[in-house]
Amino acid sequence: MKVVIMTKLNTEGSMGLRRGSFLISDYEFKKNPDWYIGIKAYEWTQQQIAEYGGRKTEIIQVTWNEENDNTEVVKSIYPIMSEDDLPF
C-alpha cells in the first residue's frame, strides 16, 4: 500500500512543506493505521531535521493522504533509549 505523508516544519522561523510517498505493510496498517504511519512520519521528520543541521525545529502539521491529521501522534513519539552498562 502506498501513502502520501505531508509535513509542515518550522525551522527557526522558516516554514517548510514536504510531501513524500511511502510504501507500507498492509498488515501493520490494518492493525493501527495512525500509529504505524505516525512512526514512518516521525522517522522522516527526523531525517529532515538532520538535513537542517540539527537547528531548532518544530513540527507544525503532519497529514497522510491529504485528509488524515496525524500531528499529535507524531509529536507523542520519542526514541527509547536503552540503559547503558557504563561504569560511570
PDB file of N, CA and C in Angstrom:
ATOM      1  N   MET A   1       0.845  -1.173   0.000  1.00  0.00           N
ATOM      2  CA  MET A   1       0.000   0.000   0.000  1.00  0.00           C
ATOM      3  C   MET A   1       0.893   1.240   0.000  1.00  0.00           C
ATOM      4  N   LYS A   2       0.457   2.267  -0.677  1.00  0.00           N
ATOM      5  CA  LYS A   2       1.228   3.499  -0.762  1.00  0.00           C
ATOM      6  C   LYS A   2       0.442   4.622  -0.091  1.00  0.00           C
ATOM      7  N   VAL A   3       1.121   5.411   0.753  1.00  0.00           N
ATOM      8  CA  VAL A   3       0.503   6.582   1.374  1.00  0.00           C
ATOM      9  C   VAL A   3       1.372   7.801   1.096  1.00  0.00           C
ATOM     10  N   VAL A   4       0.739   8.961   1.066  1.00  0.00           N
ATOM     11  CA  VAL A   4       1.441  10.224   0.881  1.00  0.00           C
ATOM     12  C   VAL A   4       1.438  10.944   2.222  1.00  0.00           C
ATOM     13  N   ILE A   5       2.634  11.222   2.736  1.00  0.00           N
ATOM     14  CA  ILE A   5       2.775  11.928   4.007  1.00  0.00           C
ATOM     15  C   ILE A   5       3.239  13.345   3.710  1.00  0.00           C
ATOM     16  N   MET A   6       2.574  14.315   4.339  1.00  0.00           N
ATOM     17  CA  MET A   6       2.941  15.718   4.180  1.00  0.00           C
ATOM     18  C   MET A   6       3.346  16.265   5.545  1.00  0.00           C
ATOM     19  N   THR A   7       4.485  16.949   5.598  1.00  0.00           N
ATOM     20  CA  THR A   7       4.940  17.557   6.849  1.00  0.00           C
ATOM     21  C   THR A   7       5.103  19.056   6.671  1.00  0.00           C
ATOM     22  N   LYS A   8       4.720  19.800   7.712  1.00  0.00           N
ATOM     23  CA  LYS A   8       4.985  21.238   7.789  1.00  0.00           C
ATOM     24  C   LYS A   8       5.859  21.437   9.014  1.00  0.00           C
ATOM     25  N   LEU A   9       7.057  21.968   8.798  1.00  0.00           N
ATOM     26  CA  LEU A   9       8.006  22.186   9.880  1.00  0.00           C
ATOM     27  C   LEU A   9       8.392  23.653   9.950  1.00  0.00           C
ATOM     28  N   ASN A  10       8.633  24.134  11.159  1.00  0.00           N
ATOM     29  CA  ASN A  10       9.117  25.493  11.382  1.00  0.00           C
ATOM     30  C   ASN A  10      10.541  25.375  11.899  1.00  0.00           C
ATOM     31  N   THR A  11      11.496  25.794  11.092  1.00  0.00           N
ATOM     32  CA  THR A  11      12.901  25.743  11.472  1.00  0.00           C
ATOM     33  C   THR A  11      13.397  27.163  11.677  1.00  0.00           C
ATOM     34  N   GLU A  12      13.487  27.545  12.937  1.00  0.00           N
ATOM     35  CA  GLU A  12      13.957  28.881  13.322  1.00  0.00           C
ATOM     36  C   GLU A  12      13.267  29.976  12.516  1.00  0.00           C
ATOM     37  N   GLY A  13      11.937  29.914  12.423  1.00  0.00           N
ATOM     38  CA  GLY A  13      11.163  30.942  11.743  1.00  0.00           C
ATOM     39  C   GLY A  13      10.949  30.709  10.261  1.00  0.00           C
ATOM     40  N   SER A  14      11.582  29.707   9.707  1.00  0.00           N
ATOM     41  CA  SER A  14      11.434  29.395   8.285  1.00  0.00           C
ATOM     42  C   SER A  14      10.507  28.185   8.142  1.00  0.00           C
ATOM     43  N   MET A  15       9.377  28.388   7.465  1.00  0.00           N
ATOM     44  CA  MET A  15       8.399  27.315   7.299  1.00  0.00           C
ATOM     45  C   MET A  15       8.772  26.445   6.103  1.00  0.00           C
ATOM     46  N   GLY A  16       8.614  25.145   6.278  1.00  0.00           N
ATOM     47  CA  GLY A  16       8.909  24.214   5.198  1.00  0.00           C
ATOM     48  C   GLY A  16       7.786  23.209   5.033  1.00  0.00           C
ATOM     49  N   LEU A  17       7.492  22.838   3.813  1.00  0.00           N
ATOM     50  CA  LEU A  17       6.454  21.865   3.493  1.00  0.00           C
ATOM     51  C   LEU A  17       7.067  20.805   2.590  1.00  0.00           C
ATOM     52  N   ARG A  18       6.881  19.549   2.970  1.00  0.00           N
ATOM     53  CA  ARG A  18       7.380  18.449   2.137  1.00  0.00           C
ATOM     54  C   ARG A  18       6.321  17.371   2.032  1.00  0.00           C
ATOM     55  N   ARG A  19       6.320  16.717   0.885  1.00  0.00           N
ATOM     56  CA  ARG A  19       5.446  15.571   0.657  1.00  0.00           C
ATOM     57  C   ARG A  19       6.305  14.409   0.200  1.00  0.00           C
ATOM     58  N   GLY A  20       5.953  13.248   0.697  1.00  0.00           N
ATOM     59  CA  GLY A  20       6.678  12.054   0.298  1.00  0.00           C
ATOM     60  C   GLY A  20       5.730  10.881   0.171  1.00  0.00           C
ATOM     61  N   SER A  21       6.050   9.971  -0.703  1.00  0.00           N
ATOM     62  CA  SER A  21       5.245   8.787  -0.940  1.00  0.00           C
ATOM     63  C   SER A  21       5.970   7.591  -0.331  1.00  0.00           C
ATOM     64  N   PHE A  22       5.254   6.802   0.472  1.00  0.00           N
ATOM     65  CA  PHE A  22       5.870   5.698   1.198  1.00  0.00           C
ATOM     66  C   PHE A  22       5.078   4.416   0.979  1.00  0.00           C
ATOM     67  N   LEU A  23       5.792   3.320   0.774  1.00  0.00           N
ATOM     68  CA  LEU A  23       5.171   2.000   0.720  1.00  0.00           C
ATOM     69  C   LEU A  23       5.105   1.457   2.137  1.00  0.00           C
ATOM     70  N   ILE A  24       3.935   0.983   2.529  1.00  0.00           N
ATOM     71  CA  ILE A  24       3.786   0.451   3.877  1.00  0.00           C
ATOM     72  C   ILE A  24       3.127  -0.923   3.825  1.00  0.00           C
ATOM     73  N   SER A  25       3.309  -1.670   4.893  1.00  0.00           N
ATOM     74  CA  SER A  25       2.756  -3.011   5.005  1.00  0.00           C
ATOM     75  C   SER A  25       1.246  -2.947   5.258  1.00  0.00           C
ATOM     76  N   ASP A  26       0.478  -3.679   4.463  1.00  0.00           N
ATOM     77  CA  ASP A  26      -0.971  -3.729   4.677  1.00  0.00           C
ATOM     78  C   ASP A  26      -1.304  -4.317   6.041  1.00  0.00           C
ATOM     79  N   TYR A  27      -0.551  -5.321   6.458  1.00  0.00           N
ATOM     80  CA  TYR A  27      -0.799  -5.977   7.741  1.00  0.00           C
ATOM     81  C   TYR A  27      -0.658  -4.988   8.896  1.00  0.00           C
ATOM     82  N   GLU A  28       0.447  -4.254   8.932  1.00  0.00           N
ATOM     83  CA  GLU A  28       0.664  -3.278  10.003  1.00  0.00           C
ATOM     84  C   GLU A  28      -0.347  -2.143   9.927  1.00  0.00           C
ATOM     85  N   PHE A  29      -0.684  -1.731   8.718  1.00  0.00           N
ATOM     86  CA  PHE A  29      -1.636  -0.642   8.531  1.00  0.00           C
ATOM     87  C   PHE A  29      -3.007  -1.015   9.092  1.00  0.00           C
ATOM     88  N   LYS A  30      -3.435  -2.232   8.857  1.00  0.00           N
ATOM     89  CA  LYS A  30      -4.754  -2.665   9.330  1.00  0.00           C
ATOM     90  C   LYS A  30      -4.816  -2.758  10.848  1.00  0.00           C
ATOM     91  N   LYS A  31      -3.695  -3.073  11.504  1.00  0.00           N
ATOM     92  CA  LYS A  31      -3.694  -3.177  12.970  1.00  0.00           C
ATOM     93  C   LYS A  31      -3.928  -1.829  13.624  1.00  0.00           C
ATOM     94  N   ASN A  32      -3.186  -0.809  13.211  1.00  0.00           N
ATOM     95  CA  ASN A  32      -3.319   0.531  13.793  1.00  0.00           C
ATOM     96  C   ASN A  32      -2.745   1.545  12.804  1.00  0.00           C
ATOM     97  N   PRO A  33      -3.552   2.049  11.884  1.00  0.00           N
ATOM     98  CA  PRO A  33      -3.024   2.899  10.811  1.00  0.00           C
ATOM     99  C   PRO A  33      -2.379   4.190  11.303  1.00  0.00           C
ATOM    100  N   ASP A  34      -3.004   4.889  12.246  1.00  0.00           N
ATOM    101  CA  ASP A  34      -2.436   6.164  12.699  1.00  0.00           C
ATOM    102  C   ASP A  34      -1.075   5.971  13.357  1.00  0.00           C
ATOM    103  N   TRP A  35      -0.938   4.942  14.172  1.00  0.00           N
ATOM    104  CA  TRP A  35       0.331   4.712  14.865  1.00  0.00           C
ATOM    105  C   TRP A  35       1.418   4.304  13.878  1.00  0.00           C
ATOM    106  N   TYR A  36       1.099   3.380  12.975  1.00  0.00           N
ATOM    107  CA  TYR A  36       2.096   2.891  12.024  1.00  0.00           C
ATOM    108  C   TYR A  36       2.570   4.010  11.097  1.00  0.00           C
ATOM    109  N   ILE A  37       1.643   4.791  10.584  1.00  0.00           N
ATOM    110  CA  ILE A  37       2.026   5.915   9.723  1.00  0.00           C
ATOM    111  C   ILE A  37       2.724   6.989  10.547  1.00  0.00           C
ATOM    112  N   GLY A  38       2.326   7.148  11.811  1.00  0.00           N
ATOM    113  CA  GLY A  38       2.999   8.099  12.696  1.00  0.00           C
ATOM    114  C   GLY A  38       4.473   7.772  12.865  1.00  0.00           C
ATOM    115  N   ILE A  39       4.792   6.495  12.987  1.00  0.00           N
ATOM    116  CA  ILE A  39       6.193   6.081  13.119  1.00  0.00           C
ATOM    117  C   ILE A  39       6.963   6.405  11.838  1.00  0.00           C
ATOM    118  N   LYS A  40       6.369   6.105  10.681  1.00  0.00           N
ATOM    119  CA  LYS A  40       7.020   6.441   9.402  1.00  0.00           C
ATOM    120  C   LYS A  40       7.236   7.946   9.289  1.00  0.00           C
ATOM    121  N   ALA A  41       6.225   8.731   9.668  1.00  0.00           N
ATOM    122  CA  ALA A  41       6.330  10.188   9.588  1.00  0.00           C
ATOM    123  C   ALA A  41       7.370  10.711  10.570  1.00  0.00           C
ATOM    124  N   TYR A  42       7.447  10.119  11.765  1.00  0.00           N
ATOM    125  CA  TYR A  42       8.448  10.533  12.751  1.00  0.00           C
ATOM    126  C   TYR A  42       9.856  10.295  12.206  1.00  0.00           C
ATOM    127  N   GLU A  43      10.091   9.120  11.646  1.00  0.00           N
ATOM    128  CA  GLU A  43      11.408   8.818  11.078  1.00  0.00           C
ATOM    129  C   GLU A  43      11.758   9.810   9.969  1.00  0.00           C
ATOM    130  N   TRP A  44      10.780  10.148   9.150  1.00  0.00           N
ATOM    131  CA  TRP A  44      11.017  11.079   8.051  1.00  0.00           C
ATOM    132  C   TRP A  44      11.290  12.489   8.566  1.00  0.00           C
ATOM    133  N   THR A  45      10.549  12.934   9.582  1.00  0.00           N
ATOM    134  CA  THR A  45      10.810  14.270  10.138  1.00  0.00           C
ATOM    135  C   THR A  45      12.187  14.321  10.780  1.00  0.00           C
ATOM    136  N   GLN A  46      12.637  13.228  11.386  1.00  0.00           N
ATOM    137  CA  GLN A  46      13.974  13.209  11.976  1.00  0.00           C
ATOM    138  C   GLN A  46      15.042  13.340  10.891  1.00  0.00           C
ATOM    139  N   GLN A  47      14.819  12.737   9.729  1.00  0.00           N
ATOM    140  CA  GLN A  47      15.746  12.901   8.603  1.00  0.00           C
ATOM    141  C   GLN A  47      15.772  14.351   8.134  1.00  0.00           C
ATOM    142  N   GLN A  48      14.597  14.974   8.081  1.00  0.00           N
ATOM    143  CA  GLN A  48      14.520  16.376   7.666  1.00  0.00           C
ATOM    144  C   GLN A  48      15.249  17.278   8.657  1.00  0.00           C
ATOM    145  N   ILE A  49      15.072  17.028   9.946  1.00  0.00           N
ATOM    146  CA  ILE A  49      15.751  17.824  10.975  1.00  0.00           C
ATOM    147  C   ILE A  49      17.260  17.678  10.834  1.00  0.00           C
ATOM    148  N   ALA A  50      17.726  16.461  10.545  1.00  0.00           N
ATOM    149  CA  ALA A  50      19.159  16.245  10.348  1.00  0.00           C
ATOM    150  C   ALA A  50      19.663  17.022   9.132  1.00  0.00           C
ATOM    151  N   GLU A  51      18.846  17.112   8.085  1.00  0.00           N
ATOM    152  CA  GLU A  51      19.231  17.880   6.897  1.00  0.00           C
ATOM    153  C   GLU A  51      19.351  19.370   7.204  1.00  0.00           C
ATOM    154  N   TYR A  52      18.562  19.849   8.160  1.00  0.00           N
ATOM    155  CA  TYR A  52      18.619  21.256   8.556  1.00  0.00           C
ATOM    156  C   TYR A  52      19.776  21.521   9.510  1.00  0.00           C
ATOM    157  N   GLY A  53      20.612  20.548   9.729  1.00  0.00           N
ATOM    158  CA  GLY A  53      21.782  20.734  10.578  1.00  0.00           C
ATOM    159  C   GLY A  53      21.464  20.710  12.058  1.00  0.00           C
ATOM    160  N   GLY A  54      20.351  20.092  12.429  1.00  0.00           N
ATOM    161  CA  GLY A  54      20.005  19.981  13.837  1.00  0.00           C
ATOM    162  C   GLY A  54      19.505  21.277  14.454  1.00  0.00           C
ATOM    163  N   ARG A  55      19.189  22.274  13.627  1.00  0.00           N
ATOM    164  CA  ARG A  55      18.667  23.531  14.164  1.00  0.00           C
ATOM    165  C   ARG A  55      17.315  23.290  14.825  1.00  0.00           C
ATOM    166  N   LYS A  56      16.919  24.203  15.699  1.00  0.00           N
ATOM    167  CA  LYS A  56      15.659  24.062  16.422  1.00  0.00           C
ATOM    168  C   LYS A  56      14.508  23.986  15.422  1.00  0.00           C
ATOM    169  N   THR A  57      13.777  22.877  15.462  1.00  0.00           N
ATOM    170  CA  THR A  57      12.704  22.627  14.509  1.00  0.00           C
ATOM    171  C   THR A  57      11.452  22.197  15.257  1.00  0.00           C
ATOM    172  N   GLU A  58      10.328  22.774  14.879  1.00  0.00           N
ATOM    173  CA  GLU A  58       9.038  22.451  15.487  1.00  0.00           C
ATOM    174  C   GLU A  58       8.141  21.814  14.432  1.00  0.00           C
ATOM    175  N   ILE A  59       7.471  20.735  14.816  1.00  0.00           N
ATOM    176  CA  ILE A  59       6.525  20.080  13.918  1.00  0.00           C
ATOM    177  C   ILE A  59       5.209  20.847  13.995  1.00  0.00           C
ATOM    178  N   ILE A  60       4.772  21.405  12.877  1.00  0.00           N
ATOM    179  CA  ILE A  60       3.528  22.171  12.822  1.00  0.00           C
ATOM    180  C   ILE A  60       2.355  21.270  12.458  1.00  0.00           C
ATOM    181  N   GLN A  61       2.515  20.470  11.404  1.00  0.00           N
ATOM    182  CA  GLN A  61       1.422  19.613  10.961  1.00  0.00           C
ATOM    183  C   GLN A  61       1.969  18.408  10.217  1.00  0.00           C
ATOM    184  N   VAL A  62       1.326  17.261  10.438  1.00  0.00           N
ATOM    185  CA  VAL A  62       1.638  16.038   9.698  1.00  0.00           C
ATOM    186  C   VAL A  62       0.306  15.432   9.258  1.00  0.00           C
ATOM    187  N   THR A  63       0.163  15.201   7.966  1.00  0.00           N
ATOM    188  CA  THR A  63      -1.044  14.554   7.452  1.00  0.00           C
ATOM    189  C   THR A  63      -0.644  13.410   6.536  1.00  0.00           C
ATOM    190  N   TRP A  64      -1.569  12.473   6.371  1.00  0.00           N
ATOM    191  CA  TRP A  64      -1.336  11.414   5.397  1.00  0.00           C
ATOM    192  C   TRP A  64      -2.555  11.308   4.487  1.00  0.00           C
ATOM    193  N   ASN A  65      -2.267  11.096   3.219  1.00  0.00           N
ATOM    194  CA  ASN A  65      -3.273  11.079   2.147  1.00  0.00           C
ATOM    195  C   ASN A  65      -4.130  12.342   2.149  1.00  0.00           C
ATOM    196  N   GLU A  66      -3.544  13.449   2.543  1.00  0.00           N
ATOM    197  CA  GLU A  66      -4.106  14.795   2.485  1.00  0.00           C
ATOM    198  C   GLU A  66      -5.382  15.001   3.284  1.00  0.00           C
ATOM    199  N   GLU A  67      -5.830  14.013   4.050  1.00  0.00           N
ATOM    200  CA  GLU A  67      -7.073  14.201   4.785  1.00  0.00           C
ATOM    201  C   GLU A  67      -7.005  13.733   6.231  1.00  0.00           C
ATOM    202  N   ASN A  68      -6.011  12.967   6.588  1.00  0.00           N
ATOM    203  CA  ASN A  68      -5.906  12.416   7.936  1.00  0.00           C
ATOM    204  C   ASN A  68      -4.811  13.140   8.705  1.00  0.00           C
ATOM    205  N   ASP A  69      -5.193  13.908   9.711  1.00  0.00           N
ATOM    206  CA  ASP A  69      -4.222  14.646  10.518  1.00  0.00           C
ATOM    207  C   ASP A  69      -3.598  13.696  11.534  1.00  0.00           C
ATOM    208  N   ASN A  70      -2.282  13.637  11.549  1.00  0.00           N
ATOM    209  CA  ASN A  70      -1.549  12.722  12.422  1.00  0.00           C
ATOM    210  C   ASN A  70      -0.531  13.480  13.270  1.00  0.00           C
ATOM    211  N   THR A  71      -0.711  14.781  13.428  1.00  0.00           N
ATOM    212  CA  THR A  71       0.268  15.628  14.094  1.00  0.00           C
ATOM    213  C   THR A  71       0.517  15.211  15.538  1.00  0.00           C
ATOM    214  N   GLU A  72      -0.537  15.018  16.308  1.00  0.00           N
ATOM    215  CA  GLU A  72      -0.377  14.706  17.734  1.00  0.00           C
ATOM    216  C   GLU A  72       0.286  13.350  17.946  1.00  0.00           C
ATOM    217  N   VAL A  73      -0.005  12.394  17.078  1.00  0.00           N
ATOM    218  CA  VAL A  73       0.632  11.075  17.192  1.00  0.00           C
ATOM    219  C   VAL A  73       2.133  11.202  16.970  1.00  0.00           C
ATOM    220  N   VAL A  74       2.533  11.943  15.941  1.00  0.00           N
ATOM    221  CA  VAL A  74       3.958  12.109  15.634  1.00  0.00           C
ATOM    222  C   VAL A  74       4.661  12.855  16.765  1.00  0.00           C
ATOM    223  N   LYS A  75       4.015  13.868  17.326  1.00  0.00           N
ATOM    224  CA  LYS A  75       4.626  14.616  18.427  1.00  0.00           C
ATOM    225  C   LYS A  75       4.775  13.764  19.685  1.00  0.00           C
ATOM    226  N   SER A  76       3.919  12.752  19.844  1.00  0.00           N
ATOM    227  CA  SER A  76       3.981  11.915  21.048  1.00  0.00           C
ATOM    228  C   SER A  76       5.047  10.822  20.955  1.00  0.00           C
ATOM    229  N   ILE A  77       5.597  10.584  19.773  1.00  0.00           N
ATOM    230  CA  ILE A  77       6.609   9.539  19.584  1.00  0.00           C
ATOM    231  C   ILE A  77       7.976  10.090  19.966  1.00  0.00           C
ATOM    232  N   TYR A  78       8.726   9.311  20.687  1.00  0.00           N
ATOM    233  CA  TYR A  78      10.093   9.680  21.036  1.00  0.00           C
ATOM    234  C   TYR A  78      10.936   8.414  21.065  1.00  0.00           C
ATOM    235  N   PRO A  79      12.240   8.530  20.835  1.00  0.00           N
ATOM    236  CA  PRO A  79      13.090   7.334  20.807  1.00  0.00           C
ATOM    237  C   PRO A  79      13.237   6.728  22.197  1.00  0.00           C
ATOM    238  N   ILE A  80      13.291   5.417  22.245  1.00  0.00           N
ATOM    239  CA  ILE A  80      13.508   4.710  23.503  1.00  0.00           C
ATOM    240  C   ILE A  80      15.002   4.491  23.654  1.00  0.00           C
ATOM    241  N   MET A  81      15.546   5.039  24.713  1.00  0.00           N
ATOM    242  CA  MET A  81      16.976   4.919  24.966  1.00  0.00           C
ATOM    243  C   MET A  81      17.212   3.713  25.881  1.00  0.00           C
ATOM    244  N   SER A  82      18.129   2.860  25.486  1.00  0.00           N
ATOM    245  CA  SER A  82      18.448   1.709  26.325  1.00  0.00           C
ATOM    246  C   SER A  82      19.391   2.141  27.445  1.00  0.00           C
ATOM    247  N   GLU A  83      19.291   1.438  28.553  1.00  0.00           N
ATOM    248  CA  GLU A  83      20.179   1.748  29.667  1.00  0.00           C
ATOM    249  C   GLU A  83      21.563   1.190  29.358  1.00  0.00           C
ATOM    250  N   ASP A  84      22.554   2.019  29.549  1.00  0.00           N
ATOM    251  CA  ASP A  84      23.924   1.604  29.278  1.00  0.00           C
ATOM    252  C   ASP A  84      24.518   0.914  30.494  1.00  0.00           C
ATOM    253  N   ASP A  85      25.467   0.058  30.241  1.00  0.00           N
ATOM    254  CA  ASP A  85      26.191  -0.608  31.312  1.00  0.00           C
ATOM    255  C   ASP A  85      27.534   0.070  31.533  1.00  0.00           C
ATOM    256  N   LEU A  86      27.563   1.372  31.386  1.00  0.00           N
ATOM    257  CA  LEU A  86      28.814   2.094  31.561  1.00  0.00           C
ATOM    258  C   LEU A  86      29.178   2.171  33.042  1.00  0.00           C
ATOM    259  N   PRO A  87      30.452   2.103  33.355  1.00  0.00           N
ATOM    260  CA  PRO A  87      30.872   2.093  34.759  1.00  0.00           C
ATOM    261  C   PRO A  87      30.791   3.456  35.436  1.00  0.00           C
ATOM    262  N   PHE A  88      30.450   4.507  34.756  1.00  0.00           N
ATOM    263  CA  PHE A  88      30.403   5.815  35.395  1.00  0.00           C
ATOM    264  C   PHE A  88      29.028   6.412  35.318  1.00  0.00           C
TER     265      PHE A  88
END
